[in-house]
Amino acid sequence: MKYKQNGMTLTSFVVVLAVVGFALYVGMKLFPMYQEYYAVKASMKALANESSSADMDPNKAQELFFKRMDMNYSESVKRDNIKFDRIDGGWRMNVSYEVRRPLIGNIDLVGRFDNSQDLTSRSVE
């Protein structure tokens, strides 16, 4: 009687392990980038919920934004990445920045993030 063996060979197991390991490595590089992005969004929304955000000077709004970002240990967003545009009833705050993390050798992971928030006297969605 011959028995047919089922299952993975050692070579296929090593290949699967390498693919899963690489995916986890990339995920570990991406997670902090997106964690920071969601901190930026939360800081912008909290700033918009301030009662006087519509009448606030853009420099003051920027200062309050960076105070919130300092609590989240954010290093990617710089003052040059923030723009304010006048809209009806207040300001529109635009934060556009790029994060670059080394992956392997001379290959980098690059994330471009762009978010805007209206700072108006109306309620925030």
PDB file of N, CA and C in Angstrom:
ATOM      1  N   MET A   1       0.829  -1.186   0.000  1.00  0.00           N
ATOM      2  CA  MET A   1       0.000   0.000   0.000  1.00  0.00           C
ATOM      3  C   MET A   1       0.870   1.244   0.000  1.00  0.00           C
ATOM      4  N   LYS A   2       0.501   2.160  -0.874  1.00  0.00           N
ATOM      5  CA  LYS A   2       1.193   3.443  -0.913  1.00  0.00           C
ATOM      6  C   LYS A   2       0.302   4.496  -0.265  1.00  0.00           C
ATOM      7  N   TYR A   3       0.944   5.331   0.529  1.00  0.00           N
ATOM      8  CA  TYR A   3       0.233   6.434   1.163  1.00  0.00           C
ATOM      9  C   TYR A   3       0.650   7.725   0.491  1.00  0.00           C
ATOM     10  N   LYS A   4      -0.345   8.518   0.119  1.00  0.00           N
ATOM     11  CA  LYS A   4      -0.065   9.826  -0.473  1.00  0.00           C
ATOM     12  C   LYS A   4      -0.034  10.862   0.642  1.00  0.00           C
ATOM     13  N   GLN A   5       1.076  11.573   0.712  1.00  0.00           N
ATOM     14  CA  GLN A   5       1.207  12.586   1.752  1.00  0.00           C
ATOM     15  C   GLN A   5       0.612  13.904   1.277  1.00  0.00           C
ATOM     16  N   ASN A   6      -0.057  14.578   2.166  1.00  0.00           N
ATOM     17  CA  ASN A   6      -0.641  15.888   1.897  1.00  0.00           C
ATOM     18  C   ASN A   6       0.037  16.923   2.793  1.00  0.00           C
ATOM     19  N   GLY A   7       0.076  18.137   2.321  1.00  0.00           N
ATOM     20  CA  GLY A   7       0.633  19.200   3.144  1.00  0.00           C
ATOM     21  C   GLY A   7       1.676  19.995   2.399  1.00  0.00           C
ATOM     22  N   MET A   8       2.288  20.868   3.118  1.00  0.00           N
ATOM     23  CA  MET A   8       3.286  21.756   2.525  1.00  0.00           C
ATOM     24  C   MET A   8       4.675  21.152   2.656  1.00  0.00           C
ATOM     25  N   THR A   9       5.475  21.422   1.660  1.00  0.00           N
ATOM     26  CA  THR A   9       6.881  21.033   1.763  1.00  0.00           C
ATOM     27  C   THR A   9       7.614  22.112   2.551  1.00  0.00           C
ATOM     28  N   LEU A  10       8.808  21.823   2.948  1.00  0.00           N
ATOM     29  CA  LEU A  10       9.599  22.800   3.697  1.00  0.00           C
ATOM     30  C   LEU A  10       9.851  24.049   2.856  1.00  0.00           C
ATOM     31  N   THR A  11      10.109  23.864   1.563  1.00  0.00           N
ATOM     32  CA  THR A  11      10.363  24.998   0.676  1.00  0.00           C
ATOM     33  C   THR A  11       9.131  25.904   0.572  1.00  0.00           C
ATOM     34  N   SER A  12       7.958  25.325   0.380  1.00  0.00           N
ATOM     35  CA  SER A  12       6.751  26.146   0.265  1.00  0.00           C
ATOM     36  C   SER A  12       6.433  26.828   1.596  1.00  0.00           C
ATOM     37  N   PHE A  13       6.734  26.172   2.709  1.00  0.00           N
ATOM     38  CA  PHE A  13       6.520  26.792   4.014  1.00  0.00           C
ATOM     39  C   PHE A  13       7.426  28.010   4.185  1.00  0.00           C
ATOM     40  N   VAL A  14       8.675  27.908   3.764  1.00  0.00           N
ATOM     41  CA  VAL A  14       9.618  29.022   3.863  1.00  0.00           C
ATOM     42  C   VAL A  14       9.168  30.172   2.974  1.00  0.00           C
ATOM     43  N   VAL A  15       8.656  29.877   1.784  1.00  0.00           N
ATOM     44  CA  VAL A  15       8.174  30.921   0.879  1.00  0.00           C
ATOM     45  C   VAL A  15       6.972  31.640   1.502  1.00  0.00           C
ATOM     46  N   VAL A  16       6.022  30.889   2.039  1.00  0.00           N
ATOM     47  CA  VAL A  16       4.850  31.489   2.678  1.00  0.00           C
ATOM     48  C   VAL A  16       5.284  32.324   3.881  1.00  0.00           C
ATOM     49  N   LEU A  17       6.214  31.812   4.650  1.00  0.00           N
ATOM     50  CA  LEU A  17       6.716  32.535   5.810  1.00  0.00           C
ATOM     51  C   LEU A  17       7.400  33.848   5.396  1.00  0.00           C
ATOM     52  N   ALA A  18       8.139  33.826   4.299  1.00  0.00           N
ATOM     53  CA  ALA A  18       8.807  35.034   3.806  1.00  0.00           C
ATOM     54  C   ALA A  18       7.788  36.073   3.345  1.00  0.00           C
ATOM     55  N   VAL A  19       6.757  35.647   2.643  1.00  0.00           N
ATOM     56  CA  VAL A  19       5.728  36.576   2.160  1.00  0.00           C
ATOM     57  C   VAL A  19       4.982  37.198   3.346  1.00  0.00           C
ATOM     58  N   VAL A  20       4.604  36.389   4.315  1.00  0.00           N
ATOM     59  CA  VAL A  20       3.900  36.898   5.489  1.00  0.00           C
ATOM     60  C   VAL A  20       4.816  37.828   6.280  1.00  0.00           C
ATOM     61  N   GLY A  21       6.077  37.473   6.433  1.00  0.00           N
ATOM     62  CA  GLY A  21       7.030  38.316   7.140  1.00  0.00           C
ATOM     63  C   GLY A  21       7.210  39.660   6.464  1.00  0.00           C
ATOM     64  N   PHE A  22       7.301  39.679   5.137  1.00  0.00           N
ATOM     65  CA  PHE A  22       7.447  40.927   4.400  1.00  0.00           C
ATOM     66  C   PHE A  22       6.199  41.797   4.554  1.00  0.00           C
ATOM     67  N   ALA A  23       5.030  41.168   4.492  1.00  0.00           N
ATOM     68  CA  ALA A  23       3.780  41.918   4.668  1.00  0.00           C
ATOM     69  C   ALA A  23       3.713  42.534   6.069  1.00  0.00           C
ATOM     70  N   LEU A  24       4.135  41.801   7.072  1.00  0.00           N
ATOM     71  CA  LEU A  24       4.155  42.345   8.430  1.00  0.00           C
ATOM     72  C   LEU A  24       5.160  43.485   8.559  1.00  0.00           C
ATOM     73  N   TYR A  25       6.306  43.356   7.903  1.00  0.00           N
ATOM     74  CA  TYR A  25       7.327  44.399   7.936  1.00  0.00           C
ATOM     75  C   TYR A  25       6.807  45.685   7.302  1.00  0.00           C
ATOM     76  N   VAL A  26       6.152  45.572   6.159  1.00  0.00           N
ATOM     77  CA  VAL A  26       5.571  46.745   5.500  1.00  0.00           C
ATOM     78  C   VAL A  26       4.468  47.345   6.379  1.00  0.00           C
ATOM     79  N   GLY A  27       3.664  46.487   6.988  1.00  0.00           N
ATOM     80  CA  GLY A  27       2.612  46.966   7.885  1.00  0.00           C
ATOM     81  C   GLY A  27       3.166  47.725   9.076  1.00  0.00           C
ATOM     82  N   MET A  28       4.299  47.275   9.602  1.00  0.00           N
ATOM     83  CA  MET A  28       4.926  47.973  10.725  1.00  0.00           C
ATOM     84  C   MET A  28       5.453  49.336  10.305  1.00  0.00           C
ATOM     85  N   LYS A  29       5.813  49.499   9.049  1.00  0.00           N
ATOM     86  CA  LYS A  29       6.259  50.798   8.548  1.00  0.00           C
ATOM     87  C   LYS A  29       5.074  51.724   8.261  1.00  0.00           C
ATOM     88  N   LEU A  30       3.958  51.148   7.796  1.00  0.00           N
ATOM     89  CA  LEU A  30       2.788  51.949   7.437  1.00  0.00           C
ATOM     90  C   LEU A  30       1.960  52.380   8.645  1.00  0.00           C
ATOM     91  N   PHE A  31       1.896  51.553   9.668  1.00  0.00           N
ATOM     92  CA  PHE A  31       1.027  51.831  10.812  1.00  0.00           C
ATOM     93  C   PHE A  31       1.310  53.193  11.449  1.00  0.00           C
ATOM     94  N   PRO A  32       2.569  53.554  11.756  1.00  0.00           N
ATOM     95  CA  PRO A  32       2.808  54.880  12.359  1.00  0.00           C
ATOM     96  C   PRO A  32       2.429  56.039  11.443  1.00  0.00           C
ATOM     97  N   MET A  33       2.572  55.847  10.132  1.00  0.00           N
ATOM     98  CA  MET A  33       2.201  56.907   9.195  1.00  0.00           C
ATOM     99  C   MET A  33       0.708  57.191   9.275  1.00  0.00           C
ATOM    100  N   TYR A  34      -0.097  56.137   9.288  1.00  0.00           N
ATOM    101  CA  TYR A  34      -1.548  56.318   9.336  1.00  0.00           C
ATOM    102  C   TYR A  34      -2.023  56.707  10.725  1.00  0.00           C
ATOM    103  N   GLN A  35      -1.322  56.273  11.749  1.00  0.00           N
ATOM    104  CA  GLN A  35      -1.662  56.688  13.102  1.00  0.00           C
ATOM    105  C   GLN A  35      -1.487  58.203  13.234  1.00  0.00           C
ATOM    106  N   GLU A  36      -0.418  58.715  12.654  1.00  0.00           N
ATOM    107  CA  GLU A  36      -0.176  60.161  12.672  1.00  0.00           C
ATOM    108  C   GLU A  36      -1.241  60.892  11.843  1.00  0.00           C
ATOM    109  N   TYR A  37      -1.620  60.324  10.699  1.00  0.00           N
ATOM    110  CA  TYR A  37      -2.647  60.946   9.859  1.00  0.00           C
ATOM    111  C   TYR A  37      -3.969  61.074  10.612  1.00  0.00           C
ATOM    112  N   TYR A  38      -4.355  60.021  11.332  1.00  0.00           N
ATOM    113  CA  TYR A  38      -5.601  60.098  12.086  1.00  0.00           C
ATOM    114  C   TYR A  38      -5.480  61.054  13.275  1.00  0.00           C
ATOM    115  N   ALA A  39      -4.286  61.224  13.813  1.00  0.00           N
ATOM    116  CA  ALA A  39      -4.072  62.233  14.858  1.00  0.00           C
ATOM    117  C   ALA A  39      -4.221  63.635  14.280  1.00  0.00           C
ATOM    118  N   VAL A  40      -3.744  63.843  13.058  1.00  0.00           N
ATOM    119  CA  VAL A  40      -3.907  65.136  12.384  1.00  0.00           C
ATOM    120  C   VAL A  40      -5.392  65.423  12.182  1.00  0.00           C
ATOM    121  N   LYS A  41      -6.125  64.434  11.697  1.00  0.00           N
ATOM    122  CA  LYS A  41      -7.559  64.618  11.484  1.00  0.00           C
ATOM    123  C   LYS A  41      -8.275  64.938  12.791  1.00  0.00           C
ATOM    124  N   ALA A  42      -7.930  64.218  13.849  1.00  0.00           N
ATOM    125  CA  ALA A  42      -8.575  64.444  15.149  1.00  0.00           C
ATOM    126  C   ALA A  42      -8.233  65.835  15.684  1.00  0.00           C
ATOM    127  N   SER A  43      -7.000  66.271  15.504  1.00  0.00           N
ATOM    128  CA  SER A  43      -6.601  67.601  15.971  1.00  0.00           C
ATOM    129  C   SER A  43      -7.321  68.695  15.206  1.00  0.00           C
ATOM    130  N   MET A  44      -7.486  68.492  13.903  1.00  0.00           N
ATOM    131  CA  MET A  44      -8.204  69.477  13.094  1.00  0.00           C
ATOM    132  C   MET A  44      -9.669  69.547  13.498  1.00  0.00           C
ATOM    133  N   LYS A  45     -10.271  68.402  13.743  1.00  0.00           N
ATOM    134  CA  LYS A  45     -11.681  68.369  14.143  1.00  0.00           C
ATOM    135  C   LYS A  45     -11.862  69.015  15.521  1.00  0.00           C
ATOM    136  N   ALA A  46     -10.928  68.755  16.445  1.00  0.00           N
ATOM    137  CA  ALA A  46     -11.011  69.362  17.772  1.00  0.00           C
ATOM    138  C   ALA A  46     -10.851  70.875  17.681  1.00  0.00           C
ATOM    139  N   LEU A  47      -9.982  71.327  16.808  1.00  0.00           N
ATOM    140  CA  LEU A  47      -9.805  72.761  16.613  1.00  0.00           C
ATOM    141  C   LEU A  47     -11.075  73.389  16.042  1.00  0.00           C
ATOM    142  N   ALA A  48     -11.726  72.686  15.135  1.00  0.00           N
ATOM    143  CA  ALA A  48     -12.972  73.191  14.547  1.00  0.00           C
ATOM    144  C   ALA A  48     -14.090  73.248  15.576  1.00  0.00           C
ATOM    145  N   ASN A  49     -14.034  72.386  16.587  1.00  0.00           N
ATOM    146  CA  ASN A  49     -15.064  72.380  17.627  1.00  0.00           C
ATOM    147  C   ASN A  49     -14.872  73.487  18.660  1.00  0.00           C
ATOM    148  N   GLU A  50     -13.753  74.191  18.602  1.00  0.00           N
ATOM    149  CA  GLU A  50     -13.544  75.341  19.494  1.00  0.00           C
ATOM    150  C   GLU A  50     -14.621  76.379  19.176  1.00  0.00           C
ATOM    151  N   SER A  51     -15.141  76.999  20.204  1.00  0.00           N
ATOM    152  CA  SER A  51     -16.258  77.930  20.000  1.00  0.00           C
ATOM    153  C   SER A  51     -15.874  79.157  19.178  1.00  0.00           C
ATOM    154  N   SER A  52     -14.628  79.590  19.265  1.00  0.00           N
ATOM    155  CA  SER A  52     -14.227  80.809  18.564  1.00  0.00           C
ATOM    156  C   SER A  52     -13.357  80.527  17.338  1.00  0.00           C
ATOM    157  N   SER A  53     -13.424  79.328  16.807  1.00  0.00           N
ATOM    158  CA  SER A  53     -12.524  78.970  15.697  1.00  0.00           C
ATOM    159  C   SER A  53     -12.798  79.780  14.433  1.00  0.00           C
ATOM    160  N   ALA A  54     -14.032  80.196  14.213  1.00  0.00           N
ATOM    161  CA  ALA A  54     -14.354  80.951  13.000  1.00  0.00           C
ATOM    162  C   ALA A  54     -13.727  82.340  13.014  1.00  0.00           C
ATOM    163  N   ASP A  55     -13.598  82.925  14.201  1.00  0.00           N
ATOM    164  CA  ASP A  55     -13.060  84.279  14.329  1.00  0.00           C
ATOM    165  C   ASP A  55     -11.582  84.296  14.687  1.00  0.00           C
ATOM    166  N   MET A  56     -10.995  83.120  14.801  1.00  0.00           N
ATOM    167  CA  MET A  56      -9.610  83.006  15.255  1.00  0.00           C
ATOM    168  C   MET A  56      -8.628  83.421  14.164  1.00  0.00           C
ATOM    169  N   ASP A  57      -7.575  84.078  14.574  1.00  0.00           N
ATOM    170  CA  ASP A  57      -6.487  84.421  13.667  1.00  0.00           C
ATOM    171  C   ASP A  57      -5.813  83.118  13.208  1.00  0.00           C
ATOM    172  N   PRO A  58      -5.468  82.981  11.917  1.00  0.00           N
ATOM    173  CA  PRO A  58      -4.833  81.745  11.444  1.00  0.00           C
ATOM    174  C   PRO A  58      -3.558  81.372  12.204  1.00  0.00           C
ATOM    175  N   ASN A  59      -2.781  82.356  12.634  1.00  0.00           N
ATOM    176  CA  ASN A  59      -1.573  82.044  13.408  1.00  0.00           C
ATOM    177  C   ASN A  59      -1.921  81.420  14.750  1.00  0.00           C
ATOM    178  N   LYS A  60      -2.976  81.913  15.388  1.00  0.00           N
ATOM    179  CA  LYS A  60      -3.433  81.349  16.661  1.00  0.00           C
ATOM    180  C   LYS A  60      -3.980  79.938  16.448  1.00  0.00           C
ATOM    181  N   ALA A  61      -4.731  79.746  15.370  1.00  0.00           N
ATOM    182  CA  ALA A  61      -5.262  78.417  15.065  1.00  0.00           C
ATOM    183  C   ALA A  61      -4.126  77.428  14.797  1.00  0.00           C
ATOM    184  N   GLN A  62      -3.125  77.890  14.095  1.00  0.00           N
ATOM    185  CA  GLN A  62      -1.972  77.037  13.810  1.00  0.00           C
ATOM    186  C   GLN A  62      -1.237  76.670  15.102  1.00  0.00           C
ATOM    187  N   GLU A  63      -1.099  77.627  15.992  1.00  0.00           N
ATOM    188  CA  GLU A  63      -0.448  77.374  17.275  1.00  0.00           C
ATOM    189  C   GLU A  63      -1.220  76.343  18.096  1.00  0.00           C
ATOM    190  N   LEU A  64      -2.548  76.483  18.155  1.00  0.00           N
ATOM    191  CA  LEU A  64      -3.367  75.509  18.883  1.00  0.00           C
ATOM    192  C   LEU A  64      -3.305  74.129  18.236  1.00  0.00           C
ATOM    193  N   PHE A  65      -3.263  74.101  16.907  1.00  0.00           N
ATOM    194  CA  PHE A  65      -3.150  72.829  16.191  1.00  0.00           C
ATOM    195  C   PHE A  65      -1.843  72.123  16.567  1.00  0.00           C
ATOM    196  N   PHE A  66      -0.740  72.861  16.571  1.00  0.00           N
ATOM    197  CA  PHE A  66       0.548  72.240  16.888  1.00  0.00           C
ATOM    198  C   PHE A  66       0.665  71.836  18.352  1.00  0.00           C
ATOM    199  N   LYS A  67      -0.043  72.529  19.241  1.00  0.00           N
ATOM    200  CA  LYS A  67      -0.077  72.081  20.634  1.00  0.00           C
ATOM    201  C   LYS A  67      -0.747  70.711  20.730  1.00  0.00           C
ATOM    202  N   ARG A  68      -1.821  70.541  19.978  1.00  0.00           N
ATOM    203  CA  ARG A  68      -2.486  69.241  19.957  1.00  0.00           C
ATOM    204  C   ARG A  68      -1.601  68.172  19.312  1.00  0.00           C
ATOM    205  N   MET A  69      -0.887  68.561  18.273  1.00  0.00           N
ATOM    206  CA  MET A  69      -0.023  67.595  17.589  1.00  0.00           C
ATOM    207  C   MET A  69       1.180  67.215  18.457  1.00  0.00           C
ATOM    208  N   ASP A  70       1.666  68.128  19.277  1.00  0.00           N
ATOM    209  CA  ASP A  70       2.773  67.806  20.180  1.00  0.00           C
ATOM    210  C   ASP A  70       2.373  66.727  21.178  1.00  0.00           C
ATOM    211  N   MET A  71       1.116  66.728  21.579  1.00  0.00           N
ATOM    212  CA  MET A  71       0.644  65.689  22.495  1.00  0.00           C
ATOM    213  C   MET A  71       0.645  64.323  21.832  1.00  0.00           C
ATOM    214  N   ASN A  72       0.557  64.293  20.505  1.00  0.00           N
ATOM    215  CA  ASN A  72       0.561  63.032  19.756  1.00  0.00           C
ATOM    216  C   ASN A  72       1.943  62.670  19.222  1.00  0.00           C
ATOM    217  N   TYR A  73       2.950  63.436  19.589  1.00  0.00           N
ATOM    218  CA  TYR A  73       4.332  63.193  19.166  1.00  0.00           C
ATOM    219  C   TYR A  73       4.465  63.163  17.647  1.00  0.00           C
ATOM    220  N   SER A  74       3.793  64.056  16.997  1.00  0.00           N
ATOM    221  CA  SER A  74       3.847  64.133  15.541  1.00  0.00           C
ATOM    222  C   SER A  74       5.069  64.930  15.114  1.00  0.00           C
ATOM    223  N   GLU A  75       5.790  64.403  14.130  1.00  0.00           N
ATOM    224  CA  GLU A  75       6.987  65.076  13.638  1.00  0.00           C
ATOM    225  C   GLU A  75       6.928  65.384  12.146  1.00  0.00           C
ATOM    226  N   SER A  76       5.969  64.849  11.439  1.00  0.00           N
ATOM    227  CA  SER A  76       5.931  64.979   9.983  1.00  0.00           C
ATOM    228  C   SER A  76       5.293  66.273   9.498  1.00  0.00           C
ATOM    229  N   VAL A  77       4.352  66.807  10.250  1.00  0.00           N
ATOM    230  CA  VAL A  77       3.644  68.013   9.828  1.00  0.00           C
ATOM    231  C   VAL A  77       4.455  69.229  10.265  1.00  0.00           C
ATOM    232  N   LYS A  78       4.789  70.058   9.302  1.00  0.00           N
ATOM    233  CA  LYS A  78       5.545  71.283   9.554  1.00  0.00           C
ATOM    234  C   LYS A  78       4.638  72.493   9.318  1.00  0.00           C
ATOM    235  N   ARG A  79       5.075  73.636   9.767  1.00  0.00           N
ATOM    236  CA  ARG A  79       4.269  74.862   9.610  1.00  0.00           C
ATOM    237  C   ARG A  79       4.023  75.196   8.140  1.00  0.00           C
ATOM    238  N   ASP A  80       4.953  74.855   7.273  1.00  0.00           N
ATOM    239  CA  ASP A  80       4.783  75.121   5.839  1.00  0.00           C
ATOM    240  C   ASP A  80       3.699  74.251   5.209  1.00  0.00           C
ATOM    241  N   ASN A  81       3.305  73.171   5.871  1.00  0.00           N
ATOM    242  CA  ASN A  81       2.309  72.245   5.329  1.00  0.00           C
ATOM    243  C   ASN A  81       0.879  72.697   5.583  1.00  0.00           C
ATOM    244  N   ILE A  82       0.712  73.788   6.307  1.00  0.00           N
ATOM    245  CA  ILE A  82      -0.628  74.237   6.685  1.00  0.00           C
ATOM    246  C   ILE A  82      -0.956  75.538   5.960  1.00  0.00           C
ATOM    247  N   LYS A  83      -2.118  75.559   5.335  1.00  0.00           N
ATOM    248  CA  LYS A  83      -2.602  76.745   4.625  1.00  0.00           C
ATOM    249  C   LYS A  83      -4.006  77.065   5.117  1.00  0.00           C
ATOM    250  N   PHE A  84      -4.305  78.342   5.190  1.00  0.00           N
ATOM    251  CA  PHE A  84      -5.638  78.802   5.570  1.00  0.00           C
ATOM    252  C   PHE A  84      -6.224  79.604   4.420  1.00  0.00           C
ATOM    253  N   ASP A  85      -7.467  79.292   4.073  1.00  0.00           N
ATOM    254  CA  ASP A  85      -8.196  80.024   3.040  1.00  0.00           C
ATOM    255  C   ASP A  85      -9.452  80.605   3.675  1.00  0.00           C
ATOM    256  N   ARG A  86      -9.763  81.842   3.320  1.00  0.00           N
ATOM    257  CA  ARG A  86     -10.962  82.498   3.831  1.00  0.00           C
ATOM    258  C   ARG A  86     -12.184  81.921   3.132  1.00  0.00           C
ATOM    259  N   ILE A  87     -13.182  81.524   3.911  1.00  0.00           N
ATOM    260  CA  ILE A  87     -14.462  81.063   3.371  1.00  0.00           C
ATOM    261  C   ILE A  87     -15.573  81.819   4.093  1.00  0.00           C
ATOM    262  N   ASP A  88     -16.806  81.651   3.624  1.00  0.00           N
ATOM    263  CA  ASP A  88     -17.942  82.291   4.281  1.00  0.00           C
ATOM    264  C   ASP A  88     -18.064  81.780   5.712  1.00  0.00           C
ATOM    265  N   GLY A  89     -18.027  82.683   6.642  1.00  0.00           N
ATOM    266  CA  GLY A  89     -18.231  82.313   8.042  1.00  0.00           C
ATOM    267  C   GLY A  89     -16.986  81.808   8.752  1.00  0.00           C
ATOM    268  N   GLY A  90     -15.806  81.929   8.172  1.00  0.00           N
ATOM    269  CA  GLY A  90     -14.607  81.473   8.881  1.00  0.00           C
ATOM    270  C   GLY A  90     -13.432  81.173   7.968  1.00  0.00           C
ATOM    271  N   TRP A  91     -12.759  80.070   8.264  1.00  0.00           N
ATOM    272  CA  TRP A  91     -11.543  79.674   7.557  1.00  0.00           C
ATOM    273  C   TRP A  91     -11.627  78.214   7.145  1.00  0.00           C
ATOM    274  N   ARG A  92     -10.909  77.879   6.099  1.00  0.00           N
ATOM    275  CA  ARG A  92     -10.714  76.479   5.719  1.00  0.00           C
ATOM    276  C   ARG A  92      -9.228  76.175   5.938  1.00  0.00           C
ATOM    277  N   MET A  93      -8.975  75.204   6.782  1.00  0.00           N
ATOM    278  CA  MET A  93      -7.605  74.805   7.112  1.00  0.00           C
ATOM    279  C   MET A  93      -7.237  73.598   6.265  1.00  0.00           C
ATOM    280  N   ASN A  94      -6.161  73.713   5.504  1.00  0.00           N
ATOM    281  CA  ASN A  94      -5.675  72.618   4.665  1.00  0.00           C
ATOM    282  C   ASN A  94      -4.322  72.157   5.190  1.00  0.00           C
ATOM    283  N   VAL A  95      -4.213  70.863   5.450  1.00  0.00           N
ATOM    284  CA  VAL A  95      -2.944  70.273   5.877  1.00  0.00           C
ATOM    285  C   VAL A  95      -2.558  69.243   4.825  1.00  0.00           C
ATOM    286  N   SER A  96      -1.449  69.483   4.169  1.00  0.00           N
ATOM    287  CA  SER A  96      -0.972  68.606   3.111  1.00  0.00           C
ATOM    288  C   SER A  96       0.509  68.334   3.369  1.00  0.00           C
ATOM    289  N   TYR A  97       0.835  67.053   3.588  1.00  0.00           N
ATOM    290  CA  TYR A  97       2.217  66.711   3.902  1.00  0.00           C
ATOM    291  C   TYR A  97       2.573  65.333   3.353  1.00  0.00           C
ATOM    292  N   GLU A  98       3.850  65.050   3.364  1.00  0.00           N
ATOM    293  CA  GLU A  98       4.366  63.781   2.848  1.00  0.00           C
ATOM    294  C   GLU A  98       5.244  63.135   3.910  1.00  0.00           C
ATOM    295  N   VAL A  99       5.092  61.828   4.054  1.00  0.00           N
ATOM    296  CA  VAL A  99       5.906  61.064   4.994  1.00  0.00           C
ATOM    297  C   VAL A  99       6.703  60.042   4.186  1.00  0.00           C
ATOM    298  N   ARG A 100       7.990  59.990   4.442  1.00  0.00           N
ATOM    299  CA  ARG A 100       8.867  59.053   3.732  1.00  0.00           C
ATOM    300  C   ARG A 100       9.592  58.203   4.764  1.00  0.00           C
ATOM    301  N   ARG A 101       9.429  56.882   4.658  1.00  0.00           N
ATOM    302  CA  ARG A 101      10.080  55.940   5.564  1.00  0.00           C
ATOM    303  C   ARG A 101      10.916  54.959   4.751  1.00  0.00           C
ATOM    304  N   PRO A 102      12.157  54.710   5.176  1.00  0.00           N
ATOM    305  CA  PRO A 102      12.979  53.733   4.457  1.00  0.00           C
ATOM    306  C   PRO A 102      12.395  52.328   4.596  1.00  0.00           C
ATOM    307  N   LEU A 103      12.433  51.571   3.515  1.00  0.00           N
ATOM    308  CA  LEU A 103      11.906  50.204   3.544  1.00  0.00           C
ATOM    309  C   LEU A 103      13.059  49.213   3.486  1.00  0.00           C
ATOM    310  N   ILE A 104      13.675  49.113   2.323  1.00  0.00           N
ATOM    311  CA  ILE A 104      14.812  48.209   2.143  1.00  0.00           C
ATOM    312  C   ILE A 104      15.816  48.906   1.241  1.00  0.00           C
ATOM    313  N   GLY A 105      17.024  49.053   1.714  1.00  0.00           N
ATOM    314  CA  GLY A 105      18.061  49.664   0.892  1.00  0.00           C
ATOM    315  C   GLY A 105      17.672  51.068   0.481  1.00  0.00           C
ATOM    316  N   ASN A 106      17.613  51.287  -0.834  1.00  0.00           N
ATOM    317  CA  ASN A 106      17.254  52.616  -1.337  1.00  0.00           C
ATOM    318  C   ASN A 106      15.779  52.711  -1.725  1.00  0.00           C
ATOM    319  N   ILE A 107      14.966  51.811  -1.249  1.00  0.00           N
ATOM    320  CA  ILE A 107      13.520  51.821  -1.519  1.00  0.00           C
ATOM    321  C   ILE A 107      12.807  52.386  -0.297  1.00  0.00           C
ATOM    322  N   ASP A 108      11.986  53.397  -0.540  1.00  0.00           N
ATOM    323  CA  ASP A 108      11.239  54.055   0.525  1.00  0.00           C
ATOM    324  C   ASP A 108       9.745  53.841   0.350  1.00  0.00           C
ATOM    325  N   LEU A 109       9.030  53.868   1.474  1.00  0.00           N
ATOM    326  CA  LEU A 109       7.576  53.958   1.456  1.00  0.00           C
ATOM    327  C   LEU A 109       7.227  55.434   1.571  1.00  0.00           C
ATOM    328  N   VAL A 110       6.378  55.915   0.692  1.00  0.00           N
ATOM    329  CA  VAL A 110       5.998  57.325   0.697  1.00  0.00           C
ATOM    330  C   VAL A 110       4.487  57.414   0.852  1.00  0.00           C
ATOM    331  N   GLY A 111       4.075  58.225   1.808  1.00  0.00           N
ATOM    332  CA  GLY A 111       2.659  58.479   2.004  1.00  0.00           C
ATOM    333  C   GLY A 111       2.392  59.958   1.848  1.00  0.00           C
ATOM    334  N   ARG A 112       1.438  60.316   1.001  1.00  0.00           N
ATOM    335  CA  ARG A 112       1.021  61.709   0.844  1.00  0.00           C
ATOM    336  C   ARG A 112      -0.348  61.854   1.478  1.00  0.00           C
ATOM    337  N   PHE A 113      -0.445  62.777   2.382  1.00  0.00           N
ATOM    338  CA  PHE A 113      -1.681  62.960   3.121  1.00  0.00           C
ATOM    339  C   PHE A 113      -2.172  64.387   2.920  1.00  0.00           C
ATOM    340  N   ASP A 114      -3.476  64.522   2.709  1.00  0.00           N
ATOM    341  CA  ASP A 114      -4.097  65.818   2.468  1.00  0.00           C
ATOM    342  C   ASP A 114      -5.447  65.818   3.168  1.00  0.00           C
ATOM    343  N   ASN A 115      -5.664  66.802   3.999  1.00  0.00           N
ATOM    344  CA  ASN A 115      -6.919  66.884   4.729  1.00  0.00           C
ATOM    345  C   ASN A 115      -7.304  68.347   4.885  1.00  0.00           C
ATOM    346  N   SER A 116      -8.588  68.628   4.843  1.00  0.00           N
ATOM    347  CA  SER A 116      -9.051  69.996   5.061  1.00  0.00           C
ATOM    348  C   SER A 116     -10.200  69.974   6.069  1.00  0.00           C
ATOM    349  N   GLN A 117     -10.306  71.077   6.785  1.00  0.00           N
ATOM    350  CA  GLN A 117     -11.344  71.212   7.810  1.00  0.00           C
ATOM    351  C   GLN A 117     -11.813  72.651   7.813  1.00  0.00           C
ATOM    352  N   ASP A 118     -13.114  72.840   7.816  1.00  0.00           N
ATOM    353  CA  ASP A 118     -13.675  74.180   7.894  1.00  0.00           C
ATOM    354  C   ASP A 118     -13.735  74.615   9.351  1.00  0.00           C
ATOM    355  N   LEU A 119     -13.214  75.788   9.621  1.00  0.00           N
ATOM    356  CA  LEU A 119     -13.288  76.397  10.943  1.00  0.00           C
ATOM    357  C   LEU A 119     -14.334  77.490  10.862  1.00  0.00           C
ATOM    358  N   THR A 120     -15.570  77.118  11.128  1.00  0.00           N
ATOM    359  CA  THR A 120     -16.693  78.051  11.013  1.00  0.00           C
ATOM    360  C   THR A 120     -17.484  78.064  12.300  1.00  0.00           C
ATOM    361  N   SER A 121     -18.407  78.980  12.385  1.00  0.00           N
ATOM    362  CA  SER A 121     -19.256  79.070  13.567  1.00  0.00           C
ATOM    363  C   SER A 121     -20.367  78.016  13.553  1.00  0.00           C
ATOM    364  N   ARG A 122     -20.576  77.395  12.388  1.00  0.00           N
ATOM    365  CA  ARG A 122     -21.575  76.331  12.296  1.00  0.00           C
ATOM    366  C   ARG A 122     -21.042  75.068  12.929  1.00  0.00           C
ATOM    367  N   SER A 123     -21.933  74.143  13.226  1.00  0.00           N
ATOM    368  CA  SER A 123     -21.510  72.891  13.860  1.00  0.00           C
ATOM    369  C   SER A 123     -20.679  72.058  12.879  1.00  0.00           C
ATOM    370  N   VAL A 124     -19.772  71.277  13.431  1.00  0.00           N
ATOM    371  CA  VAL A 124     -18.866  70.449  12.639  1.00  0.00           C
ATOM    372  C   VAL A 124     -19.523  69.111  12.379  1.00  0.00           C
ATOM    373  N   GLU A 125     -19.406  68.625  11.108  1.00  0.00           N
ATOM    374  CA  GLU A 125     -19.995  67.335  10.759  1.00  0.00           C
ATOM    375  C   GLU A 125     -19.205  66.214  11.370  1.00  0.00           C
TER     376      GLU A 125
END
